[in-house]
Amino acid sequence: MGRTYIVEEAVGQYLSNINLQGKAFVSGLLIGQCSSQKDYVILATRTPPKEEQNESPKHSKAKLDNLDEEWATEHAHQVSRMLPGGLLVLGVFIITALEMGNEFQNTLRRLVFAVEKSVNKKRLWNFTEEEVSERVILHFCSSTKKIFCRTYDIHDPKSSAKPADWKYQNGLSASWLSLECTVYVNIHVPLSTTSVSYTLEKNTKNGLARWAKQIENGIYLINGQVKDEDSDLLEGQKKSSRGNTQAANHSFDIRVLTQLLLNSDHRSTAMVQICSGSVNLKGAVKCRAYIHSHKPKVKDAVQAMKRDILNTVADRCEILFEDLLLNEIPEKKVMNSEKEFHILPHRVFVPIPGSTVMLCDYKFGDESAEEIRDHFIEMLDRMIQIEDLEIAEEINTACISSSIDTEASLENTDDEQPKHPIKTTIVLKIQQNIGVIAAFAVAALAAGISFHYFSD
């Protein structure tokens, strides 16, 4: 028996309303959440046409073989940044005026594997062996309204198509559970005489990879309590008169404890490393995750939150590097400045109509709300209102500025502060010091384990 996809009714309406306008096909992404029993699809978004395709009507008769895989996978990569914890690109769809044929299925097969590779290539985490590895392809015939649904195991490049059920449900994500967490990030990356010649991007990635292990191995408090990972997340919650747990608009506060020292059964030796500088990533980030309200487990909630923490920090860094590259900043090539500040973008949330789930994007200080709105419309093919944009991190400006000032006063007493006050919650600082810094890794032989709060 194949997998079952429970689909928000609005997704079916969206697919039905797409007008081919003379094109051979329209393709796009299916977004939702996996679970062991079934998958949930809460959103579909078409791949935006290229400008030349809009300007050249002759492309309207293009064959399916001409589907621009690179363009489609880049769209998937951009959209994946806009998904909070718990949401994934579950697969791809294609709409044609003809019914499903081998040509369509082969094209969709190639596309779903390419999309999966694109959205995961820069992640700081990996899927577990227990997780669902099937991704869906959907063909929708605009003439007959027939649906053809199949899945492929994306861990097996030679996998064959399996049948899948596609079932609509009204108000699917109207009562999903939300998880919220503020994480304080303080990543210090010493730069050896070798690594100092690397790009800022490569050095930052090395530091993020080590930090990711701390996040993965942390202890997660849910509403101030440590819960067994196999227990029901809603255990102890009030139930309605029908016996169902009332989950509507329910939000959980998550706090993260990360281990500072190694366990006593691990040994470490002191190490001296010749360094020429350091990269520091410091600030606070707002994290959110969503999970379905059908018998959710604690481990599902923790996993969703972990991945949002890792994703949002990595995505902000990647967006900064792209911005530096687009603006042709020489520093991208060689890290040769004595001191530099790069302000990472804010996180902006926007609601999905009829749902408790919110999507996100990232905004630099000089970007307008109109630009963010237009990006949402382009990537997700949804109209949004500027007043719906929620810049979640501006409220933390004061306390984060003080923590950044503290760092500057301790490490750079004779350096000037940035001329403009730091308005964001996370700052990437590159410090080039001519000299030698001794980095010591001290053996942790104490019986107890020290933890550091990474949350408010």
Protein backbone atom coordinates (compact mmCIF):
# COMPACT_ATOMS: atom_id res chain seq x y z
CA MET A 1 0.00 0.00 0.00
CA GLY A 2 1.34 3.44 -0.98
CA ARG A 3 1.52 6.60 1.08
CA THR A 4 -1.48 8.77 1.77
CA TYR A 5 -1.36 12.52 1.23
CA ILE A 6 -3.87 14.58 3.19
CA VAL A 7 -4.21 17.81 1.24
CA GLU A 8 -5.63 21.19 2.18
CA GLU A 9 -8.69 21.88 -0.01
CA ALA A 10 -7.27 25.28 -0.91
CA VAL A 11 -4.39 23.47 -2.67
CA GLY A 12 -6.86 21.69 -4.96
CA GLN A 13 -8.57 25.00 -5.71
CA TYR A 14 -5.21 26.61 -6.44
CA LEU A 15 -4.25 23.88 -8.93
CA SER A 16 -7.65 24.11 -10.64
CA ASN A 17 -7.37 27.89 -11.02
CA ILE A 18 -3.98 27.86 -12.76
CA ASN A 19 -4.45 28.92 -16.37
CA LEU A 20 -2.01 27.44 -18.85
CA GLN A 21 -2.52 30.47 -21.15
CA GLY A 22 -1.33 28.53 -24.17
CA LYS A 23 1.68 27.01 -22.41
CA ALA A 24 2.41 23.31 -22.72
CA PHE A 25 2.69 23.00 -18.94
CA VAL A 26 3.03 24.76 -15.59
CA SER A 27 5.14 23.17 -12.86
CA GLY A 28 5.61 23.94 -9.19
CA LEU A 29 6.21 22.74 -5.64
CA LEU A 30 4.15 20.96 -3.01
CA ILE A 31 4.84 22.03 0.58
CA GLY A 32 3.88 20.34 3.81
CA GLN A 33 4.96 17.92 6.50
CA CYS A 34 5.87 14.24 6.67
CA SER A 35 4.79 11.84 9.38
CA SER A 36 5.21 8.10 9.80
CA GLN A 37 1.59 7.37 8.87
CA LYS A 38 0.78 9.99 6.25
CA ASP A 39 1.96 13.25 4.74
CA TYR A 40 0.21 16.62 4.91
CA VAL A 41 0.20 19.08 1.99
CA ILE A 42 -0.80 22.60 3.03
CA LEU A 43 0.55 24.70 0.15
CA ALA A 44 1.33 24.56 -3.56
CA THR A 45 3.20 27.23 -5.50
CA ARG A 46 3.97 27.43 -9.20
CA THR A 47 7.49 28.03 -10.45
CA PRO A 48 7.62 31.66 -11.65
CA PRO A 49 8.22 31.99 -15.42
CA LYS A 50 11.49 33.41 -16.61
CA GLU A 51 11.37 36.95 -17.97
CA GLU A 52 12.29 35.81 -21.47
CA GLN A 53 9.43 33.33 -21.37
CA ASN A 54 7.02 36.14 -20.54
CA GLU A 55 8.39 38.27 -23.35
CA SER A 56 8.49 35.54 -26.03
CA PRO A 57 5.11 33.97 -26.86
CA LYS A 58 6.82 31.38 -29.07
CA HIS A 59 7.90 29.59 -25.89
CA SER A 60 4.27 28.81 -25.15
CA LYS A 61 4.40 25.78 -27.40
CA ALA A 62 7.59 24.43 -25.88
CA LYS A 63 7.77 20.71 -25.27
CA LEU A 64 7.95 19.23 -21.80
CA ASP A 65 11.58 18.32 -22.49
CA ASN A 66 12.33 22.03 -22.37
CA LEU A 67 11.39 22.32 -18.70
CA ASP A 68 14.18 24.41 -17.18
CA GLU A 69 15.37 22.14 -14.39
CA GLU A 70 17.97 24.62 -13.14
CA TRP A 71 15.36 27.38 -12.85
CA ALA A 72 12.90 25.07 -11.08
CA THR A 73 15.47 23.83 -8.57
CA GLU A 74 16.63 27.37 -7.79
CA HIS A 75 13.02 28.29 -7.07
CA ALA A 76 12.81 25.28 -4.74
CA HIS A 77 15.98 26.40 -2.95
CA GLN A 78 14.60 29.92 -2.47
CA VAL A 79 11.26 28.61 -1.22
CA SER A 80 12.93 26.21 1.23
CA ARG A 81 14.43 29.24 3.03
CA MET A 82 10.91 30.57 3.56
CA LEU A 83 9.72 27.48 5.40
CA PRO A 84 9.78 27.38 9.21
CA GLY A 85 10.73 24.23 11.11
CA GLY A 86 8.51 21.26 10.38
CA LEU A 87 7.73 22.21 6.78
CA LEU A 88 9.44 20.71 3.75
CA VAL A 89 9.21 20.68 -0.01
CA LEU A 90 7.37 17.36 -0.30
CA GLY A 91 7.47 17.08 -4.07
CA VAL A 92 6.55 18.65 -7.38
CA PHE A 93 3.47 19.04 -9.54
CA ILE A 94 2.86 19.65 -13.20
CA ILE A 95 -0.28 20.84 -14.95
CA THR A 96 -0.93 20.04 -18.61
CA ALA A 97 -3.92 19.92 -20.92
CA LEU A 98 -3.12 16.28 -21.72
CA GLU A 99 -3.50 13.27 -19.48
CA MET A 100 -0.52 11.59 -17.86
CA GLY A 101 1.94 9.86 -20.14
CA ASN A 102 5.41 8.36 -19.84
CA GLU A 103 6.95 11.64 -21.01
CA PHE A 104 5.41 13.52 -18.10
CA GLN A 105 6.34 10.89 -15.54
CA ASN A 106 9.98 10.72 -16.64
CA THR A 107 10.29 14.50 -16.50
CA LEU A 108 8.72 14.66 -13.06
CA ARG A 109 10.97 11.88 -11.82
CA ARG A 110 14.10 13.80 -12.83
CA LEU A 111 12.71 17.00 -11.37
CA VAL A 112 11.76 15.61 -7.95
CA PHE A 113 15.26 14.19 -7.44
CA ALA A 114 16.86 17.46 -8.57
CA VAL A 115 14.64 19.52 -6.26
CA GLU A 116 15.44 17.32 -3.26
CA LYS A 117 19.17 17.69 -3.94
CA SER A 118 18.85 21.47 -4.29
CA VAL A 119 16.96 22.11 -1.04
CA ASN A 120 19.27 19.92 1.07
CA LYS A 121 22.73 20.61 -0.34
CA LYS A 122 23.64 23.32 2.22
CA ARG A 123 21.76 22.06 5.25
CA LEU A 124 23.52 21.67 8.60
CA TRP A 125 21.48 18.56 9.44
CA ASN A 126 20.71 15.18 7.89
CA PHE A 127 17.56 13.10 7.73
CA THR A 128 17.39 10.18 10.13
CA GLU A 129 17.01 6.60 8.99
CA GLU A 130 13.52 6.43 10.50
CA GLU A 131 12.21 9.38 8.50
CA VAL A 132 10.11 9.08 5.39
CA SER A 133 12.29 9.23 2.29
CA GLU A 134 9.51 9.26 -0.29
CA ARG A 135 8.70 12.39 -2.28
CA VAL A 136 5.62 12.92 -4.38
CA ILE A 137 5.02 13.80 -8.02
CA LEU A 138 1.58 15.02 -9.03
CA HIS A 139 0.15 15.44 -12.51
CA PHE A 140 -3.01 17.51 -12.84
CA CYS A 141 -4.88 17.48 -16.16
CA SER A 142 -6.52 20.87 -16.67
CA SER A 143 -8.99 19.40 -19.19
CA THR A 144 -10.33 16.40 -17.30
CA LYS A 145 -9.32 17.50 -13.76
CA LYS A 146 -7.83 14.03 -13.26
CA ILE A 147 -4.98 13.59 -10.79
CA PHE A 148 -2.06 11.18 -11.14
CA CYS A 149 -0.06 10.76 -7.92
CA ARG A 150 3.11 8.72 -7.41
CA THR A 151 6.06 8.67 -5.00
CA TYR A 152 9.78 7.97 -5.34
CA ASP A 153 12.33 7.04 -2.70
CA ILE A 154 14.81 9.92 -3.01
CA HIS A 155 17.50 7.89 -1.21
CA ASP A 156 17.45 5.38 -4.08
CA PRO A 157 18.26 6.91 -7.50
CA LYS A 158 16.99 3.74 -9.17
CA SER A 159 13.68 3.61 -7.31
CA SER A 160 10.52 3.04 -9.29
CA ALA A 161 7.23 4.89 -8.89
CA LYS A 162 4.80 3.78 -6.21
CA PRO A 163 1.08 4.62 -6.18
CA ALA A 164 -0.15 7.12 -3.59
CA ASP A 165 -3.53 8.37 -2.39
CA TRP A 166 -4.38 12.08 -2.70
CA LYS A 167 -7.19 13.11 -0.34
CA TYR A 168 -8.53 16.60 0.29
CA GLN A 169 -9.47 17.93 3.71
CA ASN A 170 -10.88 21.30 4.62
CA GLY A 171 -9.07 23.37 7.27
CA LEU A 172 -6.14 20.96 7.40
CA SER A 173 -3.66 23.35 9.05
CA ALA A 174 -6.17 25.51 10.93
CA SER A 175 -5.20 23.94 14.26
CA TRP A 176 -1.54 23.04 13.89
CA LEU A 177 0.69 23.48 16.92
CA SER A 178 3.29 26.23 16.96
CA LEU A 179 6.65 26.12 18.73
CA GLU A 180 8.59 29.28 19.49
CA CYS A 181 12.12 29.81 20.71
CA THR A 182 14.65 32.63 20.98
CA VAL A 183 18.17 31.32 20.58
CA TYR A 184 21.28 33.24 21.53
CA VAL A 185 24.09 32.55 19.10
CA ASN A 186 27.73 33.08 20.02
CA ILE A 187 30.02 31.33 17.55
CA HIS A 188 33.75 32.01 17.66
CA VAL A 189 35.87 30.69 14.80
CA PRO A 190 39.66 31.04 15.26
CA LEU A 191 41.42 31.52 11.93
CA SER A 192 44.68 29.65 11.51
CA THR A 193 47.41 30.94 9.24
CA THR A 194 46.00 28.58 6.61
CA SER A 195 42.29 29.26 7.02
CA VAL A 196 42.80 33.03 7.08
CA SER A 197 43.33 32.82 3.32
CA TYR A 198 39.96 31.12 2.85
CA THR A 199 36.84 33.05 1.95
CA LEU A 200 34.63 34.40 4.68
CA GLU A 201 31.95 31.96 3.54
CA LYS A 202 34.14 28.89 3.96
CA ASN A 203 35.41 29.92 7.40
CA THR A 204 31.90 30.70 8.60
CA LYS A 205 30.62 27.34 7.37
CA ASN A 206 33.34 25.57 9.33
CA GLY A 207 32.22 27.34 12.49
CA LEU A 208 28.54 26.65 11.82
CA ALA A 209 29.23 22.94 11.38
CA ARG A 210 30.77 22.72 14.87
CA TRP A 211 27.98 24.81 16.38
CA ALA A 212 25.35 22.58 14.73
CA LYS A 213 26.59 19.63 16.79
CA GLN A 214 25.89 21.60 19.97
CA ILE A 215 22.34 22.31 18.83
CA GLU A 216 21.77 18.69 17.81
CA ASN A 217 23.01 17.42 21.19
CA GLY A 218 21.23 20.04 23.30
CA ILE A 219 18.48 19.45 25.84
CA TYR A 220 15.12 20.98 24.91
CA LEU A 221 12.69 22.23 27.52
CA ILE A 222 9.04 22.38 26.45
CA ASN A 223 7.16 24.94 28.51
CA GLY A 224 9.97 24.64 31.05
CA GLN A 225 9.89 20.84 31.30
CA VAL A 226 12.03 18.01 29.98
CA LYS A 227 9.71 15.43 28.43
CA ASP A 228 10.28 11.89 27.24
CA GLU A 229 10.83 12.01 23.50
CA ASP A 230 8.31 9.24 22.81
CA SER A 231 5.56 10.82 24.89
CA ASP A 232 2.57 12.64 23.43
CA LEU A 233 3.24 16.37 23.09
CA LEU A 234 -0.34 17.14 24.09
CA GLU A 235 -0.28 14.87 27.11
CA GLY A 236 -2.02 16.57 30.02
CA GLN A 237 -3.78 19.12 27.82
CA LYS A 238 -7.49 19.83 28.25
CA LYS A 239 -9.91 17.85 26.15
CA SER A 240 -13.13 18.97 24.51
CA SER A 241 -16.53 17.47 25.21
CA ARG A 242 -15.94 15.08 22.29
CA GLY A 243 -12.77 13.75 23.87
CA ASN A 244 -10.40 15.46 21.46
CA THR A 245 -7.50 17.52 22.74
CA GLN A 246 -8.03 21.19 22.12
CA ALA A 247 -4.99 22.17 20.07
CA ALA A 248 -6.31 25.20 18.22
CA ASN A 249 -3.96 28.19 18.49
CA HIS A 250 -1.81 26.27 20.96
CA SER A 251 1.77 27.51 21.23
CA PHE A 252 4.69 25.93 23.07
CA ASP A 253 7.68 27.78 24.47
CA ILE A 254 10.97 26.00 23.77
CA ARG A 255 14.25 26.62 25.58
CA VAL A 256 17.57 25.11 24.60
CA LEU A 257 20.32 23.95 26.95
CA THR A 258 23.61 23.21 25.28
CA GLN A 259 26.47 21.32 26.84
CA LEU A 260 29.58 23.36 27.53
CA LEU A 261 31.92 20.56 28.57
CA LEU A 262 32.52 17.04 27.45
CA ASN A 263 31.22 14.13 29.47
CA SER A 264 33.62 12.75 32.07
CA ASP A 265 34.22 9.63 30.00
CA HIS A 266 35.68 11.71 27.17
CA ARG A 267 39.27 12.89 27.29
CA SER A 268 40.76 15.87 25.54
CA THR A 269 44.27 17.20 25.29
CA ALA A 270 45.37 20.81 25.21
CA MET A 271 46.16 22.20 21.78
CA VAL A 272 47.97 25.38 20.73
CA GLN A 273 47.00 26.76 17.36
CA ILE A 274 48.72 29.59 15.52
CA CYS A 275 45.98 32.05 14.56
CA SER A 276 45.82 35.28 12.60
CA GLY A 277 42.30 36.33 13.42
CA SER A 278 38.77 35.17 14.11
CA VAL A 279 35.23 35.20 12.84
CA ASN A 280 32.50 35.87 15.39
CA LEU A 281 28.80 35.29 14.85
CA LYS A 282 26.77 36.72 17.68
CA GLY A 283 23.20 37.71 18.37
CA ALA A 284 19.70 36.35 19.01
CA VAL A 285 17.35 34.76 16.51
CA LYS A 286 13.64 34.05 16.62
CA CYS A 287 12.81 30.48 15.70
CA ARG A 288 9.45 28.92 14.94
CA ALA A 289 8.26 25.48 14.01
CA TYR A 290 4.87 23.91 13.32
CA ILE A 291 3.63 20.36 13.61
CA HIS A 292 0.30 18.72 12.83
CA SER A 293 -2.09 18.21 15.73
CA HIS A 294 -2.80 14.51 15.08
CA LYS A 295 -1.08 12.68 17.96
CA PRO A 296 2.18 14.67 17.78
CA LYS A 297 5.17 13.28 19.65
CA VAL A 298 7.68 15.26 21.70
CA LYS A 299 10.50 14.05 19.45
CA ASP A 300 8.70 15.48 16.41
CA ALA A 301 8.45 18.89 18.07
CA VAL A 302 12.10 18.89 19.17
CA GLN A 303 13.31 17.81 15.75
CA ALA A 304 11.29 20.52 14.01
CA MET A 305 12.70 23.17 16.32
CA LYS A 306 16.29 21.96 15.98
CA ARG A 307 16.07 22.18 12.23
CA ASP A 308 14.57 25.65 12.27
CA ILE A 309 17.39 26.89 14.52
CA LEU A 310 20.01 25.45 12.18
CA ASN A 311 18.22 26.54 9.02
CA THR A 312 17.59 30.16 9.98
CA VAL A 313 21.19 30.86 11.00
CA ALA A 314 22.66 29.09 7.94
CA ASP A 315 20.17 30.75 5.58
CA ARG A 316 20.93 34.24 6.89
CA CYS A 317 24.65 33.68 6.36
CA GLU A 318 24.05 32.37 2.86
CA ILE A 319 21.86 35.37 1.99
CA LEU A 320 24.60 37.70 3.23
CA PHE A 321 27.24 35.96 1.11
CA GLU A 322 25.00 36.22 -1.95
CA ASP A 323 24.49 39.91 -1.24
CA LEU A 324 28.23 40.48 -0.94
CA LEU A 325 28.78 38.66 -4.20
CA LEU A 326 26.06 40.59 -6.02
CA ASN A 327 27.54 43.85 -4.80
CA GLU A 328 31.05 42.66 -5.71
CA ILE A 329 32.56 43.24 -2.29
CA PRO A 330 36.33 42.54 -2.62
CA GLU A 331 36.38 41.07 0.90
CA LYS A 332 34.59 38.01 -0.46
CA LYS A 333 37.80 37.04 -2.21
CA VAL A 334 40.35 37.58 0.54
CA MET A 335 39.85 38.37 4.22
CA ASN A 336 42.35 41.19 4.44
CA SER A 337 40.60 43.87 6.49
CA GLU A 338 41.57 44.52 10.08
CA LYS A 339 37.96 44.70 11.22
CA GLU A 340 34.63 44.40 9.46
CA PHE A 341 30.99 44.21 10.44
CA HIS A 342 28.32 42.52 8.38
CA ILE A 343 24.78 42.76 9.58
CA LEU A 344 22.66 39.73 8.83
CA PRO A 345 19.02 40.13 7.81
CA HIS A 346 15.98 40.16 10.09
CA ARG A 347 13.46 37.36 9.94
CA VAL A 348 10.01 38.35 8.72
CA PHE A 349 6.91 36.17 9.14
CA VAL A 350 3.66 36.21 7.20
CA PRO A 351 0.50 34.14 7.86
CA ILE A 352 -1.10 31.65 5.50
CA PRO A 353 -4.81 32.55 5.21
CA GLY A 354 -7.00 30.07 7.06
CA SER A 355 -4.03 28.47 8.79
CA THR A 356 -2.14 28.79 12.07
CA VAL A 357 1.09 28.29 10.10
CA MET A 358 3.29 31.25 9.14
CA LEU A 359 5.95 31.40 6.44
CA CYS A 360 9.07 33.54 6.63
CA ASP A 361 11.54 35.60 4.66
CA TYR A 362 14.61 37.72 5.44
CA LYS A 363 14.97 41.49 5.28
CA PHE A 364 18.08 43.65 5.27
CA GLY A 365 17.82 47.01 7.00
CA ASP A 366 17.73 48.98 3.74
CA GLU A 367 15.02 46.83 2.16
CA SER A 368 11.47 48.13 2.15
CA ALA A 369 8.35 46.24 3.20
CA GLU A 370 7.19 46.49 -0.41
CA GLU A 371 10.25 44.57 -1.59
CA ILE A 372 9.60 41.78 0.90
CA ARG A 373 5.95 41.62 -0.13
CA ASP A 374 6.92 41.39 -3.80
CA HIS A 375 9.36 38.58 -3.03
CA PHE A 376 6.64 36.63 -1.24
CA ILE A 377 4.34 37.09 -4.22
CA GLU A 378 7.02 35.99 -6.70
CA MET A 379 8.20 32.93 -4.76
CA LEU A 380 4.89 31.70 -3.30
CA ASP A 381 2.39 33.07 -5.84
CA ARG A 382 0.23 34.49 -3.05
CA MET A 383 -1.03 38.01 -2.49
CA ILE A 384 -0.13 39.34 0.94
CA GLN A 385 -0.70 42.63 2.66
CA ILE A 386 2.15 44.75 3.99
CA GLU A 387 0.38 45.07 7.32
CA ASP A 388 0.53 41.25 7.67
CA LEU A 389 4.33 41.27 7.72
CA GLU A 390 5.68 40.52 11.18
CA ILE A 391 9.29 41.57 11.76
CA ALA A 392 9.72 39.34 14.77
CA GLU A 393 13.16 40.37 15.96
CA GLU A 394 13.00 44.17 16.20
CA ILE A 395 11.64 43.96 19.74
CA ASN A 396 14.95 42.45 20.92
CA THR A 397 17.16 45.26 19.61
CA ALA A 398 18.07 46.77 22.98
CA CYS A 399 19.32 43.65 24.77
CA ILE A 400 21.15 42.37 21.73
CA SER A 401 22.89 45.68 21.18
CA SER A 402 24.24 45.54 24.71
CA SER A 403 25.58 42.03 24.24
CA ILE A 404 27.31 43.07 21.05
CA ASP A 405 28.74 46.16 22.73
CA THR A 406 30.07 43.95 25.54
CA GLU A 407 31.84 41.76 23.05
CA ALA A 408 33.37 44.78 21.36
CA SER A 409 34.59 46.29 24.65
CA LEU A 410 36.21 43.04 25.76
CA GLU A 411 37.94 42.20 22.53
CA ASN A 412 38.49 45.53 20.82
CA THR A 413 38.95 48.22 23.44
CA ASP A 414 40.90 50.44 21.05
CA ASP A 415 38.62 49.95 18.02
CA GLU A 416 35.79 52.25 17.14
CA GLN A 417 32.22 51.00 17.19
CA PRO A 418 30.23 50.97 13.94
CA LYS A 419 29.02 54.47 13.13
CA HIS A 420 25.42 53.31 12.86
CA PRO A 421 23.72 51.56 15.78
CA ILE A 422 23.25 47.86 15.19
CA LYS A 423 19.53 47.39 14.58
CA THR A 424 19.59 43.68 13.88
CA THR A 425 19.67 40.75 16.22
CA ILE A 426 22.66 38.98 14.78
CA VAL A 427 25.98 40.32 13.55
CA LEU A 428 28.80 38.64 11.70
CA LYS A 429 32.11 40.11 12.80
CA ILE A 430 35.44 39.41 11.16
CA GLN A 431 38.49 40.29 13.20
CA GLN A 432 41.98 40.07 11.72
CA ASN A 433 44.66 40.23 14.42
CA ILE A 434 48.33 40.17 13.49
CA GLY A 435 49.82 37.98 16.17
CA VAL A 436 49.38 34.67 17.86
CA ILE A 437 46.29 33.50 19.72
CA ALA A 438 46.57 30.39 21.84
CA ALA A 439 43.46 28.21 21.62
CA PHE A 440 43.19 25.69 24.41
CA ALA A 441 40.83 22.73 24.54
CA VAL A 442 40.83 21.76 28.24
CA ALA A 443 40.08 18.23 29.39
CA ALA A 444 36.71 17.94 31.12
CA LEU A 445 37.09 15.49 33.96
CA ALA A 446 34.42 16.81 36.31
CA ALA A 447 31.59 14.44 37.13
CA GLY A 448 28.84 16.97 36.44
CA ILE A 449 27.84 18.50 33.12
CA SER A 450 27.65 22.27 32.71
CA PHE A 451 25.00 23.70 30.50
CA HIS A 452 24.57 27.12 29.02
CA TYR A 453 21.26 28.74 28.25
CA PHE A 454 20.95 29.57 24.57
CA SER A 455 17.48 30.97 25.10
CA ASP A 456 16.06 34.03 26.75
